[in-house]
Protein backbone atom coordinates (compact mmCIF):
# COMPACT_ATOMS: atom_id res chain seq x y z
CA MET A 1 -0.16 0.18 -0.29
CA LYS A 2 3.06 2.44 0.81
CA ARG A 3 4.66 1.64 -2.31
CA GLU A 4 1.51 2.06 -3.94
CA LEU A 5 0.92 5.55 -2.15
CA LEU A 6 4.56 6.38 -3.13
CA ALA A 7 4.52 5.63 -6.58
CA GLY A 8 1.36 7.97 -7.46
CA LEU A 9 2.47 10.44 -5.37
CA LEU A 10 5.52 10.51 -7.65
CA LEU A 11 4.22 9.84 -10.38
CA LEU A 12 1.65 13.12 -9.91
CA ALA A 13 4.47 15.62 -9.16
CA MET A 14 5.77 14.49 -12.33
CA ALA A 15 3.07 14.78 -14.26
CA GLY A 16 2.94 18.45 -12.54
CA GLY A 17 6.99 19.39 -13.33
CA LEU A 18 5.43 18.41 -16.94
CA TYR A 19 2.81 21.27 -16.62
CA LEU A 20 4.94 23.57 -15.48
CA ARG A 21 7.53 23.34 -18.07
CA ASN A 22 5.37 23.32 -20.97
CA LEU A 23 3.21 26.30 -19.00
CA ALA A 24 6.31 27.92 -19.22
CA ILE A 25 7.46 27.21 -22.82
CA GLU A 26 4.20 28.39 -24.42
CA THR A 27 4.41 31.82 -22.57
CA PRO A 28 4.29 34.27 -25.35
CA THR A 29 6.66 37.27 -25.21
CA THR A 30 6.60 40.91 -26.61
CA VAL A 31 9.48 42.39 -27.96
CA THR A 32 10.27 45.28 -27.89
CA THR A 33 12.55 47.29 -31.01
CA SER A 34 14.81 47.63 -27.38
CA GLU A 35 15.15 44.15 -27.47
CA LEU A 36 15.44 43.34 -31.41
CA VAL A 37 18.62 43.31 -33.24
CA PRO A 38 18.96 46.15 -35.77
CA ASP A 39 19.80 44.42 -39.77
CA PHE A 40 21.99 47.34 -40.02
CA VAL A 41 23.55 50.20 -37.58
CA ALA A 42 24.73 53.80 -39.54
CA ARG A 43 27.00 56.48 -37.15
CA ALA A 44 26.69 60.34 -38.64
CA MET A 45 24.46 58.96 -41.51
CA LYS A 46 23.20 61.39 -44.62
CA THR A 47 21.18 60.31 -47.55
CA ARG A 48 19.08 61.55 -50.41
CA SER A 49 15.66 59.86 -51.68
CA TYR A 50 14.82 60.50 -55.58
CA ASP A 51 11.24 60.30 -57.01
CA ALA A 52 11.37 57.63 -60.23
CA ASN A 53 12.02 61.04 -62.67
CA GLY A 54 14.94 61.49 -60.44
CA ARG A 55 14.48 64.26 -58.72
CA LEU A 56 15.65 65.43 -55.01
CA ASN A 57 12.59 64.45 -53.10
CA ALA A 58 14.20 64.44 -49.56
CA GLU A 59 17.99 64.13 -47.86
CA ILE A 60 18.62 62.81 -44.20
CA ALA A 61 21.09 63.05 -41.58
CA ALA A 62 21.08 61.26 -38.23
CA ASP A 63 23.35 60.90 -36.15
CA THR A 64 22.51 57.18 -35.49
CA MET A 65 20.25 54.98 -37.46
CA LEU A 66 18.90 51.36 -36.96
CA HIS A 67 17.10 49.92 -38.97
CA TYR A 68 14.86 46.63 -38.21
CA GLN A 69 14.34 45.47 -41.64
CA GLN A 70 11.60 42.81 -41.03
CA GLN A 71 8.98 45.29 -38.76
CA GLN A 72 9.94 47.88 -41.62
CA LEU A 73 11.23 50.33 -39.13
CA THR A 74 14.01 52.41 -38.36
CA GLU A 75 15.00 54.20 -35.67
CA PHE A 76 16.63 57.60 -35.50
CA GLU A 77 18.59 59.98 -32.86
CA GLN A 78 18.53 63.29 -33.76
CA PRO A 79 17.48 63.43 -37.44
CA VAL A 80 16.81 66.55 -39.62
CA TYR A 81 15.17 65.68 -43.16
CA LEU A 82 14.90 68.38 -45.51
CA VAL A 83 11.56 67.29 -47.74
CA TYR A 84 10.57 68.42 -51.19
CA PRO A 85 7.73 68.58 -52.29
CA ASP A 86 6.24 68.26 -56.01
CA ASP A 87 6.17 71.10 -57.44
CA GLY A 88 9.51 72.37 -55.55
CA SER A 89 8.07 75.70 -54.03
CA THR A 90 9.36 75.53 -50.82
CA VAL A 91 11.96 73.51 -49.04
CA TRP A 92 11.34 72.49 -44.92
CA LYS A 93 13.83 70.97 -42.55
CA VAL A 94 12.47 69.78 -40.73
CA GLN A 95 14.54 68.32 -37.25
CA ALA A 96 13.98 66.73 -33.74
CA ASN A 97 15.91 65.02 -30.91
CA ALA A 98 14.26 61.50 -31.90
CA GLY A 99 12.36 59.98 -34.96
CA GLN A 100 10.95 56.81 -36.11
CA LEU A 101 10.51 56.12 -40.71
CA ARG A 102 7.57 53.37 -40.81
CA ASP A 103 6.81 51.57 -43.88
CA ASN A 104 9.51 53.46 -45.68
CA ARG A 105 6.36 56.54 -45.73
CA TYR A 106 5.74 57.60 -42.25
CA LEU A 107 8.05 59.77 -40.39
CA SER A 108 7.30 60.57 -36.53
CA LEU A 109 9.75 63.15 -35.16
CA SER A 110 9.55 63.53 -31.07
CA HIS A 111 11.22 65.53 -28.33
CA ASN A 112 12.24 69.32 -29.51
CA VAL A 113 10.88 69.02 -32.93
CA VAL A 114 11.58 72.75 -35.18
CA VAL A 115 9.86 72.59 -38.48
CA GLU A 116 11.79 75.43 -40.99
CA ALA A 117 10.44 76.73 -44.54
CA ILE A 118 14.25 77.29 -45.73
CA GLU A 119 13.03 79.11 -48.48
CA PRO A 120 12.82 83.05 -47.82
CA ASN A 121 10.58 85.41 -47.56
CA LYS A 122 7.74 82.71 -46.60
CA PRO A 123 4.38 83.75 -43.99
CA ILE A 124 5.58 81.04 -41.33
CA ASN A 125 9.31 79.98 -40.72
CA THR A 126 9.36 78.25 -37.98
CA ILE A 127 7.56 75.83 -35.93
CA HIS A 128 8.70 73.97 -32.56
CA THR A 129 6.18 71.56 -30.90
CA GLU A 130 7.29 68.21 -28.73
CA GLN A 131 6.04 65.49 -31.66
CA LEU A 132 4.76 65.85 -35.34
CA GLU A 133 3.76 63.16 -37.39
CA LEU A 134 5.01 63.05 -41.62
CA ASP A 135 4.00 61.55 -44.58
CA LEU A 136 6.29 61.47 -47.34
CA THR A 137 3.97 60.72 -49.45
CA THR A 138 1.06 62.82 -49.33
CA MET A 139 3.42 65.20 -47.54
CA VAL A 140 1.07 65.77 -45.22
CA MET A 141 2.29 67.23 -41.50
CA THR A 142 -0.06 66.77 -37.81
CA THR A 143 0.27 67.03 -34.67
CA ASP A 144 -1.77 67.03 -31.96
CA LYS A 145 0.26 68.80 -29.52
CA ALA A 146 0.73 73.03 -28.17
CA LEU A 147 3.35 74.46 -30.76
CA GLN A 148 4.64 78.20 -31.21
CA ALA A 149 5.05 79.78 -34.38
CA PHE A 150 6.86 82.14 -35.96
CA GLY A 151 7.03 84.74 -38.96
CA ASP A 152 8.82 87.73 -39.47
CA SER A 153 6.53 89.79 -37.82
CA PHE A 154 3.88 87.54 -35.75
CA GLU A 155 4.25 84.99 -33.22
CA MET A 156 1.15 81.92 -32.75
CA SER A 157 0.88 79.60 -29.99
CA ALA A 158 -2.11 76.43 -31.09
CA ILE A 159 -2.76 72.89 -29.46
CA GLY A 160 -2.61 70.91 -33.00
CA LEU A 161 -1.98 71.66 -36.78
CA TYR A 162 -2.70 69.91 -39.90
CA ALA A 163 0.17 71.29 -42.94
CA ASP A 164 -0.38 70.48 -46.65
CA LEU A 165 3.01 70.93 -47.65
CA HIS A 166 2.20 70.01 -51.66
CA LEU A 167 -0.43 73.26 -51.08
CA ASN A 168 1.96 75.68 -48.68
CA GLN A 169 -1.58 75.33 -46.23
CA ILE A 170 -0.77 75.34 -43.03
CA THR A 171 -4.01 74.88 -40.33
CA LEU A 172 -4.20 75.33 -37.12
CA LYS A 173 -6.85 73.60 -34.88
CA GLN A 174 -7.77 75.28 -31.58
CA LYS A 175 -6.62 77.23 -28.77
CA VAL A 176 -4.79 79.53 -31.57
CA SER A 177 -3.54 82.91 -30.33
CA ALA A 178 -1.51 85.38 -32.39
CA SER A 179 0.35 89.04 -32.38
CA TYR A 180 1.45 90.50 -34.58
CA GLU A 181 4.12 93.05 -34.74
CA VAL A 182 3.16 96.63 -36.98
CA GLN A 183 5.40 97.86 -39.03
């Protein structure tokens, strides 16, 4: 009787051990980009992008770039992006402390984002915000964060922005205030 009880307890302990082992193996793990190994890393990177007709449509520079091919994700440290819309009327310089490019189309910038119109005599010279999204295909720039915009004789602040760089149209969404200097 004792042998049978001992064998039964031993069998039960082994079954419990196997169950816990299988449970540990099957536990799904979530992987963040900080845990992934990039397919390649670039330091002091500078590159140019051309459209199908051979026209320059973007230039990018960054202190560091990490590219993850399978995720279609590129991370940047200190990115500076020069955007040349189709009509070529205004070149925009967009820079930040950090950025991500998803699907080779969606650029997300964060931390001390500065947008500058490179061409002279544009109504808005500079925009400052903490977060910005730019669709490189449609050339639409958006944010829902607070921002400040500066021109030659005015300053504006607002929350939220929608900008179509092809049309050179910028819409401030809410809580807009401005001060103008009369000359």
